[in-house]
Amino acid sequence: MFLAETATKAVESTYSHFDIFMIVFTVLIGIGLVRLLLQRPRKNMLAIGFSTVALLIFVAADFKMVSGW
C-alpha cells in the first residue's frame, strides 16, 4: 500500500495554464528573430543579439517546464 501511494505522488503533473503562454512567447520570439535575420538593407545587430539571448532563455525554460509534465 505504501509503494502504491508513493507511485501516485511521483506521477503528479506540474502542468499549468501559464505553460501555454510560455510556449506561445517562445514561438513569437523565434518568429521575430527570423524576421530580423531576413532584413535586407541593414541588420540591427543589437536586436538580433537580444532576441537570440531571449530565445535561448525561453527555450531552456520551456525544456525544463515540459520535462516536468
Protein backbone atom coordinates (compact mmCIF):
# COMPACT_ATOMS: atom_id res chain seq x y z
CA MET A 1 0.00 0.00 0.00
CA PHE A 2 2.81 2.38 0.86
CA LEU A 3 4.55 1.80 -2.51
CA ALA A 4 1.33 2.45 -4.45
CA GLU A 5 0.82 5.72 -2.60
CA THR A 6 4.39 6.79 -3.34
CA ALA A 7 3.99 5.94 -7.02
CA THR A 8 0.90 8.13 -7.40
CA LYS A 9 2.71 11.07 -5.84
CA ALA A 10 5.58 10.67 -8.29
CA VAL A 11 3.22 10.74 -11.29
CA GLU A 12 1.65 14.12 -10.41
CA SER A 13 1.97 16.62 -13.22
CA THR A 14 3.23 20.17 -12.81
CA TYR A 15 1.22 21.40 -15.80
CA SER A 16 -0.20 24.91 -15.51
CA HIS A 17 -2.19 27.03 -17.96
CA PHE A 18 0.67 29.54 -17.91
CA ASP A 19 2.79 26.92 -19.73
CA ILE A 20 0.83 27.56 -22.95
CA PHE A 21 1.71 31.27 -22.78
CA MET A 22 5.39 30.42 -22.33
CA ILE A 23 5.35 28.27 -25.47
CA VAL A 24 3.49 30.98 -27.44
CA PHE A 25 6.01 33.63 -26.33
CA THR A 26 8.88 31.36 -27.38
CA VAL A 27 7.35 30.93 -30.84
CA LEU A 28 6.80 34.69 -31.16
CA ILE A 29 10.41 35.42 -30.20
CA GLY A 30 11.57 32.85 -32.76
CA ILE A 31 9.45 34.43 -35.50
CA GLY A 32 10.80 37.86 -34.58
CA LEU A 33 14.39 36.60 -34.72
CA VAL A 34 13.85 35.07 -38.16
CA ARG A 35 12.35 38.33 -39.43
CA LEU A 36 15.33 40.26 -38.06
CA LEU A 37 17.77 37.89 -39.75
CA LEU A 38 15.98 38.19 -43.11
CA GLN A 39 16.17 42.00 -43.22
CA ARG A 40 17.97 43.05 -46.38
CA PRO A 41 19.38 46.57 -46.37
CA ARG A 42 20.74 46.78 -42.84
CA LYS A 43 20.58 44.39 -39.91
CA ASN A 44 20.06 45.61 -36.36
CA MET A 45 22.76 43.67 -34.53
CA LEU A 46 21.63 44.75 -31.06
CA ALA A 47 18.10 43.46 -31.69
CA ILE A 48 19.45 40.21 -33.16
CA GLY A 49 21.68 39.65 -30.13
CA PHE A 50 18.92 40.48 -27.66
CA SER A 51 16.45 38.22 -29.46
CA THR A 52 18.95 35.37 -29.59
CA VAL A 53 19.62 35.56 -25.85
CA ALA A 54 15.88 35.81 -25.07
CA LEU A 55 15.12 32.85 -27.35
CA LEU A 56 17.82 30.71 -25.71
CA ILE A 57 16.48 31.54 -22.24
CA PHE A 58 12.88 30.80 -23.25
CA VAL A 59 13.83 27.52 -24.97
CA ALA A 60 15.71 26.42 -21.85
CA ALA A 61 12.74 27.37 -19.66
CA ASP A 62 10.34 25.53 -21.98
CA PHE A 63 12.54 22.43 -21.95
CA LYS A 64 12.65 22.46 -18.15
CA MET A 65 8.90 23.11 -17.99
CA VAL A 66 7.96 20.31 -20.40
CA SER A 67 10.29 17.81 -18.74
CA GLY A 68 8.29 18.35 -15.54
CA TRP A 69 4.99 17.38 -17.16
